Amino acid sequence: MSKGLIMLRVETRELDGVLICGLEGRFTGEGAEQVRTLVTRCDSKLELVVDLTEVMFIDAVGEDVLSFVKKLGGVFVAETAYSGDICERLQLPLIRKHQQNSQWSGNKDGNGHRPANDSRNR
């Protein structure tokens, strides 16, 4: 019997002293354990942000890894009901996606806020 395909995509990027780890798909089993290995091997001086917005399922192993990342000081982005529910249940610290984008894109005001001339307010 075949196990089936592991459907997890992990995208990392470093920006202004922050390691942003975007997860997409099913955060389960072996894939989750590989993410645990990835974050433990990263430079501990980097702030860690894990974006769970595109995650569609998390099993017990995935939840354990997320709790581990929290203990390392990681913060989380959760822009969907499912990812938000996981973060609430596991008591994971959240940062809003727009804060993440402005805070590390060079458009920050020092407090992670958008500039007053945000085009969405027009």
C-alpha atoms as a PDB file:
ATOM      1  CA  MET A   1       0.000   0.000   0.000  1.00  0.00           C
ATOM      2  CA  SER A   2       1.428   3.414  -0.917  1.00  0.00           C
ATOM      3  CA  LYS A   3       1.471   6.289   1.545  1.00  0.00           C
ATOM      4  CA  GLY A   4       0.471   8.815  -1.079  1.00  0.00           C
ATOM      5  CA  LEU A   5       2.108  12.093  -1.898  1.00  0.00           C
ATOM      6  CA  ILE A   6       3.095  14.554   0.778  1.00  0.00           C
ATOM      7  CA  MET A   7       1.474  17.773  -0.299  1.00  0.00           C
ATOM      8  CA  LEU A   8       3.470  20.479   1.468  1.00  0.00           C
ATOM      9  CA  ARG A   9       5.249  23.411  -0.068  1.00  0.00           C
ATOM     10  CA  VAL A  10       7.694  25.393   2.057  1.00  0.00           C
ATOM     11  CA  GLU A  11       9.054  28.712   0.873  1.00  0.00           C
ATOM     12  CA  THR A  12      11.615  30.623   2.920  1.00  0.00           C
ATOM     13  CA  ARG A  13      13.143  34.025   2.508  1.00  0.00           C
ATOM     14  CA  GLU A  14      15.287  36.239   4.646  1.00  0.00           C
ATOM     15  CA  LEU A  15      14.474  39.922   4.795  1.00  0.00           C
ATOM     16  CA  ASP A  16      15.865  42.550   7.183  1.00  0.00           C
ATOM     17  CA  GLY A  17      16.856  40.075   9.899  1.00  0.00           C
ATOM     18  CA  VAL A  18      13.647  38.074   9.604  1.00  0.00           C
ATOM     19  CA  LEU A  19      13.255  34.531   8.312  1.00  0.00           C
ATOM     20  CA  ILE A  20       9.822  34.229   6.719  1.00  0.00           C
ATOM     21  CA  CYS A  21       8.651  30.660   6.279  1.00  0.00           C
ATOM     22  CA  GLY A  22       5.522  30.283   4.149  1.00  0.00           C
ATOM     23  CA  LEU A  23       3.708  26.960   4.307  1.00  0.00           C
ATOM     24  CA  GLU A  24       1.187  25.743   1.746  1.00  0.00           C
ATOM     25  CA  GLY A  25      -0.876  22.551   1.703  1.00  0.00           C
ATOM     26  CA  ARG A  26      -0.966  19.783   4.309  1.00  0.00           C
ATOM     27  CA  PHE A  27       1.338  20.330   7.300  1.00  0.00           C
ATOM     28  CA  THR A  28       1.615  16.729   8.455  1.00  0.00           C
ATOM     29  CA  GLY A  29       4.020  13.976   9.484  1.00  0.00           C
ATOM     30  CA  GLU A  30       7.345  13.879   7.724  1.00  0.00           C
ATOM     31  CA  GLY A  31       6.874  17.269   6.072  1.00  0.00           C
ATOM     32  CA  ALA A  32       6.242  18.912   9.428  1.00  0.00           C
ATOM     33  CA  GLU A  33       9.311  17.214  10.903  1.00  0.00           C
ATOM     34  CA  GLN A  34      11.411  18.523   8.020  1.00  0.00           C
ATOM     35  CA  VAL A  35      10.214  22.054   8.819  1.00  0.00           C
ATOM     36  CA  ARG A  36      11.243  21.498  12.470  1.00  0.00           C
ATOM     37  CA  THR A  37      14.731  20.558  11.216  1.00  0.00           C
ATOM     38  CA  LEU A  38      14.796  23.585   8.901  1.00  0.00           C
ATOM     39  CA  VAL A  39      13.998  26.113  11.626  1.00  0.00           C
ATOM     40  CA  THR A  40      16.433  24.590  14.115  1.00  0.00           C
ATOM     41  CA  ARG A  41      19.266  24.878  11.579  1.00  0.00           C
ATOM     42  CA  CYS A  42      18.555  28.537  10.801  1.00  0.00           C
ATOM     43  CA  ASP A  43      20.483  31.443  12.263  1.00  0.00           C
ATOM     44  CA  SER A  44      19.104  31.957  15.779  1.00  0.00           C
ATOM     45  CA  LYS A  45      19.639  35.717  15.453  1.00  0.00           C
ATOM     46  CA  LEU A  46      16.867  35.916  12.868  1.00  0.00           C
ATOM     47  CA  GLU A  47      13.309  36.630  13.928  1.00  0.00           C
ATOM     48  CA  LEU A  48      11.070  33.782  12.723  1.00  0.00           C
ATOM     49  CA  VAL A  49       7.700  34.363  11.047  1.00  0.00           C
ATOM     50  CA  VAL A  50       5.628  31.377   9.888  1.00  0.00           C
ATOM     51  CA  ASP A  51       2.800  32.112   7.441  1.00  0.00           C
ATOM     52  CA  LEU A  52       0.050  29.502   7.827  1.00  0.00           C
ATOM     53  CA  THR A  53      -2.466  31.258   5.579  1.00  0.00           C
ATOM     54  CA  GLU A  54      -2.202  28.696   2.754  1.00  0.00           C
ATOM     55  CA  VAL A  55      -2.228  25.623   5.015  1.00  0.00           C
ATOM     56  CA  MET A  56      -5.333  23.478   4.532  1.00  0.00           C
ATOM     57  CA  PHE A  57      -4.723  20.749   7.135  1.00  0.00           C
ATOM     58  CA  ILE A  58      -2.494  20.259  10.186  1.00  0.00           C
ATOM     59  CA  ASP A  59      -2.186  16.929  12.018  1.00  0.00           C
ATOM     60  CA  ALA A  60      -0.909  16.258  15.557  1.00  0.00           C
ATOM     61  CA  VAL A  61       2.719  16.192  14.368  1.00  0.00           C
ATOM     62  CA  GLY A  62       2.236  19.540  12.633  1.00  0.00           C
ATOM     63  CA  GLU A  63       0.660  21.010  15.755  1.00  0.00           C
ATOM     64  CA  ASP A  64       3.631  19.786  17.795  1.00  0.00           C
ATOM     65  CA  VAL A  65       6.044  21.459  15.377  1.00  0.00           C
ATOM     66  CA  LEU A  66       4.087  24.744  15.535  1.00  0.00           C
ATOM     67  CA  SER A  67       4.240  24.652  19.342  1.00  0.00           C
ATOM     68  CA  PHE A  68       7.981  24.016  19.076  1.00  0.00           C
ATOM     69  CA  VAL A  69       8.369  27.044  16.778  1.00  0.00           C
ATOM     70  CA  LYS A  70       6.433  29.130  19.315  1.00  0.00           C
ATOM     71  CA  LYS A  71       8.955  28.084  22.011  1.00  0.00           C
ATOM     72  CA  LEU A  72      11.740  29.314  19.726  1.00  0.00           C
ATOM     73  CA  GLY A  73      10.065  32.734  19.696  1.00  0.00           C
ATOM     74  CA  GLY A  74       8.344  32.414  16.322  1.00  0.00           C
ATOM     75  CA  VAL A  75       5.289  34.464  15.403  1.00  0.00           C
ATOM     76  CA  PHE A  76       2.574  33.393  12.991  1.00  0.00           C
ATOM     77  CA  VAL A  77       0.469  34.780  10.167  1.00  0.00           C
ATOM     78  CA  ALA A  78      -3.006  33.257   9.857  1.00  0.00           C
ATOM     79  CA  GLU A  79      -5.369  34.998   7.441  1.00  0.00           C
ATOM     80  CA  THR A  80      -7.933  32.204   7.042  1.00  0.00           C
ATOM     81  CA  ALA A  81     -10.520  30.835   9.454  1.00  0.00           C
ATOM     82  CA  TYR A  82      -8.768  27.457   9.603  1.00  0.00           C
ATOM     83  CA  SER A  83      -5.269  28.805  10.252  1.00  0.00           C
ATOM     84  CA  GLY A  84      -6.656  31.352  12.712  1.00  0.00           C
ATOM     85  CA  ASP A  85      -8.475  28.611  14.613  1.00  0.00           C
ATOM     86  CA  ILE A  86      -5.281  26.544  14.844  1.00  0.00           C
ATOM     87  CA  CYS A  87      -3.344  29.532  16.171  1.00  0.00           C
ATOM     88  CA  GLU A  88      -6.047  30.336  18.699  1.00  0.00           C
ATOM     89  CA  ARG A  89      -6.288  26.739  19.913  1.00  0.00           C
ATOM     90  CA  LEU A  90      -2.502  26.345  20.210  1.00  0.00           C
ATOM     91  CA  GLN A  91      -2.133  29.901  21.598  1.00  0.00           C
ATOM     92  CA  LEU A  92       0.352  30.874  18.908  1.00  0.00           C
ATOM     93  CA  PRO A  93       1.341  34.561  18.765  1.00  0.00           C
ATOM     94  CA  LEU A  94      -0.101  36.233  15.681  1.00  0.00           C
ATOM     95  CA  ILE A  95       1.076  39.047  13.475  1.00  0.00           C
ATOM     96  CA  ARG A  96      -1.192  40.397  10.767  1.00  0.00           C
ATOM     97  CA  LYS A  97      -0.015  39.898   7.182  1.00  0.00           C
ATOM     98  CA  HIS A  98      -0.143  43.616   6.406  1.00  0.00           C
ATOM     99  CA  GLN A  99       2.050  44.270   9.451  1.00  0.00           C
ATOM    100  CA  GLN A 100       4.482  41.634   8.236  1.00  0.00           C
ATOM    101  CA  ASN A 101       4.649  43.172   4.765  1.00  0.00           C
ATOM    102  CA  SER A 102       5.101  46.758   5.945  1.00  0.00           C
ATOM    103  CA  GLN A 103       7.344  45.888   8.867  1.00  0.00           C
ATOM    104  CA  TRP A 104       9.958  44.163   6.707  1.00  0.00           C
ATOM    105  CA  SER A 105       9.517  45.807   3.337  1.00  0.00           C
ATOM    106  CA  GLY A 106      11.293  49.064   4.080  1.00  0.00           C
ATOM    107  CA  ASN A 107       7.965  50.928   4.370  1.00  0.00           C
ATOM    108  CA  LYS A 108       7.870  50.770   8.134  1.00  0.00           C
ATOM    109  CA  ASP A 109       7.447  53.688  10.481  1.00  0.00           C
ATOM    110  CA  GLY A 110       9.234  51.933  13.325  1.00  0.00           C
ATOM    111  CA  ASN A 111       6.029  50.509  14.749  1.00  0.00           C
ATOM    112  CA  GLY A 112       5.070  48.204  11.887  1.00  0.00           C
ATOM    113  CA  HIS A 113       2.277  50.533  10.730  1.00  0.00           C
ATOM    114  CA  ARG A 114       1.385  51.429   7.192  1.00  0.00           C
ATOM    115  CA  PRO A 115       2.197  54.918   5.960  1.00  0.00           C
ATOM    116  CA  ALA A 116      -0.681  57.398   6.335  1.00  0.00           C
ATOM    117  CA  ASN A 117      -1.062  57.617   2.533  1.00  0.00           C
ATOM    118  CA  ASP A 118      -2.105  53.949   2.166  1.00  0.00           C
ATOM    119  CA  SER A 119      -3.838  53.741  -1.239  1.00  0.00           C
ATOM    120  CA  ARG A 120      -6.494  51.361   0.139  1.00  0.00           C
ATOM    121  CA  ASN A 121      -8.003  54.293   2.096  1.00  0.00           C
ATOM    122  CA  ARG A 122      -8.893  56.211  -1.098  1.00  0.00           C
END
